[in-house]
């Protein structure tokens, strides 16, 4: 998961990055089934953002904000944490909205 966070931080803030992020989540979900729930939550987090700007202008400030919020969120996730902390992470991800 740290590799995914590092990769995302180094990417441009455009929609292509978010689409690539979804593909990386799908790949990770298949290769590390113990992270499937986390991958699905993150996938569902970025889907409305991608859908909102698909074939529409993406304001630079909005793109930068969404990228920063997701990068900050990814940096705080510890998939090796105790179950109580992972549940708190899942709940935090579920409450997150990249559009607002």
C-alpha atoms as a PDB file:
ATOM      1  CA  UNK A   1       0.000   0.000   0.000  1.00  0.00           C
ATOM      2  CA  UNK A   2       2.931   2.322   0.650  1.00  0.00           C
ATOM      3  CA  UNK A   3       4.045   1.800  -2.954  1.00  0.00           C
ATOM      4  CA  UNK A   4       0.616   2.910  -4.155  1.00  0.00           C
ATOM      5  CA  UNK A   5       0.735   5.998  -1.959  1.00  0.00           C
ATOM      6  CA  UNK A   6       4.216   6.904  -3.185  1.00  0.00           C
ATOM      7  CA  UNK A   7       3.211   6.341  -6.813  1.00  0.00           C
ATOM      8  CA  UNK A   8       0.122   8.533  -6.448  1.00  0.00           C
ATOM      9  CA  UNK A   9       2.035  11.380  -4.803  1.00  0.00           C
ATOM     10  CA  UNK A  10       4.428  11.474  -7.748  1.00  0.00           C
ATOM     11  CA  UNK A  11       1.689  11.678 -10.386  1.00  0.00           C
ATOM     12  CA  UNK A  12       0.130  14.687 -12.085  1.00  0.00           C
ATOM     13  CA  UNK A  13      -3.270  15.685 -10.703  1.00  0.00           C
ATOM     14  CA  UNK A  14      -5.228  14.994 -13.934  1.00  0.00           C
ATOM     15  CA  UNK A  15      -8.019  12.471 -14.475  1.00  0.00           C
ATOM     16  CA  UNK A  16      -5.640  10.043 -16.135  1.00  0.00           C
ATOM     17  CA  UNK A  17      -3.893   9.610 -12.784  1.00  0.00           C
ATOM     18  CA  UNK A  18      -7.174   8.795 -11.051  1.00  0.00           C
ATOM     19  CA  UNK A  19      -8.079   6.264 -13.767  1.00  0.00           C
ATOM     20  CA  UNK A  20      -4.632   4.696 -13.464  1.00  0.00           C
ATOM     21  CA  UNK A  21      -5.088   4.653  -9.698  1.00  0.00           C
ATOM     22  CA  UNK A  22      -8.288   2.636 -10.131  1.00  0.00           C
ATOM     23  CA  UNK A  23      -6.440   0.150 -12.342  1.00  0.00           C
ATOM     24  CA  UNK A  24      -3.662  -0.166  -9.772  1.00  0.00           C
ATOM     25  CA  UNK A  25      -6.295  -0.814  -7.099  1.00  0.00           C
ATOM     26  CA  UNK A  26      -7.816  -3.582  -9.228  1.00  0.00           C
ATOM     27  CA  UNK A  27      -4.393  -5.127  -9.735  1.00  0.00           C
ATOM     28  CA  UNK A  28      -3.590  -4.897  -6.023  1.00  0.00           C
ATOM     29  CA  UNK A  29      -6.932  -6.400  -5.099  1.00  0.00           C
ATOM     30  CA  UNK A  30      -6.171  -9.441  -7.264  1.00  0.00           C
ATOM     31  CA  UNK A  31      -2.567  -9.840  -6.143  1.00  0.00           C
ATOM     32  CA  UNK A  32      -3.192  -9.142  -2.440  1.00  0.00           C
ATOM     33  CA  UNK A  33      -6.707 -10.374  -1.600  1.00  0.00           C
ATOM     34  CA  UNK A  34      -6.208  -9.406   2.042  1.00  0.00           C
ATOM     35  CA  UNK A  35      -6.537  -5.779   0.876  1.00  0.00           C
ATOM     36  CA  UNK A  36      -9.696  -6.225  -1.219  1.00  0.00           C
ATOM     37  CA  UNK A  37     -11.982  -4.248   1.102  1.00  0.00           C
ATOM     38  CA  UNK A  38      -9.555  -1.339   1.261  1.00  0.00           C
ATOM     39  CA  UNK A  39      -9.082  -1.381  -2.512  1.00  0.00           C
ATOM     40  CA  UNK A  40     -12.833  -1.390  -3.109  1.00  0.00           C
ATOM     41  CA  UNK A  41     -13.384   1.531  -0.754  1.00  0.00           C
ATOM     42  CA  UNK A  42     -10.674   3.559  -2.460  1.00  0.00           C
ATOM     43  CA  UNK A  43     -12.012   2.612  -5.889  1.00  0.00           C
ATOM     44  CA  UNK A  44     -15.482   3.798  -4.911  1.00  0.00           C
ATOM     45  CA  UNK A  45     -13.997   6.992  -3.509  1.00  0.00           C
ATOM     46  CA  UNK A  46     -12.470   8.065  -6.829  1.00  0.00           C
ATOM     47  CA  UNK A  47     -15.291   6.878  -9.130  1.00  0.00           C
ATOM     48  CA  UNK A  48     -17.654   9.849  -8.545  1.00  0.00           C
ATOM     49  CA  UNK A  49     -14.762  12.244  -9.073  1.00  0.00           C
ATOM     50  CA  UNK A  50     -13.831  10.632 -12.381  1.00  0.00           C
ATOM     51  CA  UNK A  51     -17.469  10.487 -13.477  1.00  0.00           C
ATOM     52  CA  UNK A  52     -18.049  14.145 -12.615  1.00  0.00           C
ATOM     53  CA  UNK A  53     -15.266  15.336 -14.911  1.00  0.00           C
ATOM     54  CA  UNK A  54     -15.341  12.687 -17.628  1.00  0.00           C
ATOM     55  CA  UNK A  55     -15.431  14.612 -20.917  1.00  0.00           C
ATOM     56  CA  UNK A  56     -15.846  17.897 -19.011  1.00  0.00           C
ATOM     57  CA  UNK A  57     -13.322  20.592 -18.126  1.00  0.00           C
ATOM     58  CA  UNK A  58     -11.445  19.865 -14.937  1.00  0.00           C
ATOM     59  CA  UNK A  59     -10.529  23.103 -13.140  1.00  0.00           C
ATOM     60  CA  UNK A  60      -6.871  23.046 -12.108  1.00  0.00           C
ATOM     61  CA  UNK A  61      -7.631  24.124  -8.544  1.00  0.00           C
ATOM     62  CA  UNK A  62     -10.209  21.337  -8.162  1.00  0.00           C
ATOM     63  CA  UNK A  63      -7.780  18.764  -9.578  1.00  0.00           C
ATOM     64  CA  UNK A  64      -4.998  19.866  -7.242  1.00  0.00           C
ATOM     65  CA  UNK A  65      -7.315  19.810  -4.226  1.00  0.00           C
ATOM     66  CA  UNK A  66      -8.647  16.315  -4.975  1.00  0.00           C
ATOM     67  CA  UNK A  67      -5.140  15.001  -5.626  1.00  0.00           C
ATOM     68  CA  UNK A  68      -3.839  16.500  -2.377  1.00  0.00           C
ATOM     69  CA  UNK A  69      -6.767  15.114  -0.347  1.00  0.00           C
ATOM     70  CA  UNK A  70      -6.340  11.615  -1.730  1.00  0.00           C
ATOM     71  CA  UNK A  71      -2.551  11.713  -1.296  1.00  0.00           C
ATOM     72  CA  UNK A  72      -2.977  12.790   2.330  1.00  0.00           C
ATOM     73  CA  UNK A  73      -5.544  10.061   2.919  1.00  0.00           C
ATOM     74  CA  UNK A  74      -3.321   7.374   1.386  1.00  0.00           C
ATOM     75  CA  UNK A  75      -0.369   8.490   3.499  1.00  0.00           C
ATOM     76  CA  UNK A  76      -2.334   7.814   6.687  1.00  0.00           C
ATOM     77  CA  UNK A  77      -3.468   4.280   5.861  1.00  0.00           C
ATOM     78  CA  UNK A  78      -1.576   1.446   7.506  1.00  0.00           C
ATOM     79  CA  UNK A  79      -2.820  -1.918   6.189  1.00  0.00           C
ATOM     80  CA  UNK A  80      -0.711  -3.700   8.820  1.00  0.00           C
ATOM     81  CA  UNK A  81      -2.346  -1.825  11.706  1.00  0.00           C
ATOM     82  CA  UNK A  82      -4.479  -3.617  14.276  1.00  0.00           C
ATOM     83  CA  UNK A  83      -8.060  -4.379  13.245  1.00  0.00           C
ATOM     84  CA  UNK A  84      -9.477  -1.478  15.269  1.00  0.00           C
ATOM     85  CA  UNK A  85      -7.269   1.021  13.438  1.00  0.00           C
ATOM     86  CA  UNK A  86      -8.030  -0.514  10.035  1.00  0.00           C
ATOM     87  CA  UNK A  87     -11.745  -0.207  10.766  1.00  0.00           C
ATOM     88  CA  UNK A  88     -11.229   3.448  11.675  1.00  0.00           C
ATOM     89  CA  UNK A  89      -9.348   3.906   8.371  1.00  0.00           C
ATOM     90  CA  UNK A  90     -12.182   2.237   6.442  1.00  0.00           C
ATOM     91  CA  UNK A  91     -14.723   4.520   8.102  1.00  0.00           C
ATOM     92  CA  UNK A  92     -12.609   7.593   7.341  1.00  0.00           C
ATOM     93  CA  UNK A  93     -12.331   6.569   3.682  1.00  0.00           C
ATOM     94  CA  UNK A  94     -16.071   5.915   3.482  1.00  0.00           C
ATOM     95  CA  UNK A  95     -16.778   9.456   4.773  1.00  0.00           C
ATOM     96  CA  UNK A  96     -14.347  11.098   2.371  1.00  0.00           C
ATOM     97  CA  UNK A  97     -15.629  12.944  -0.696  1.00  0.00           C
ATOM     98  CA  UNK A  98     -13.224  14.213  -3.336  1.00  0.00           C
ATOM     99  CA  UNK A  99     -15.887  16.454  -4.887  1.00  0.00           C
ATOM    100  CA  UNK A 100     -16.594  18.563  -1.796  1.00  0.00           C
END
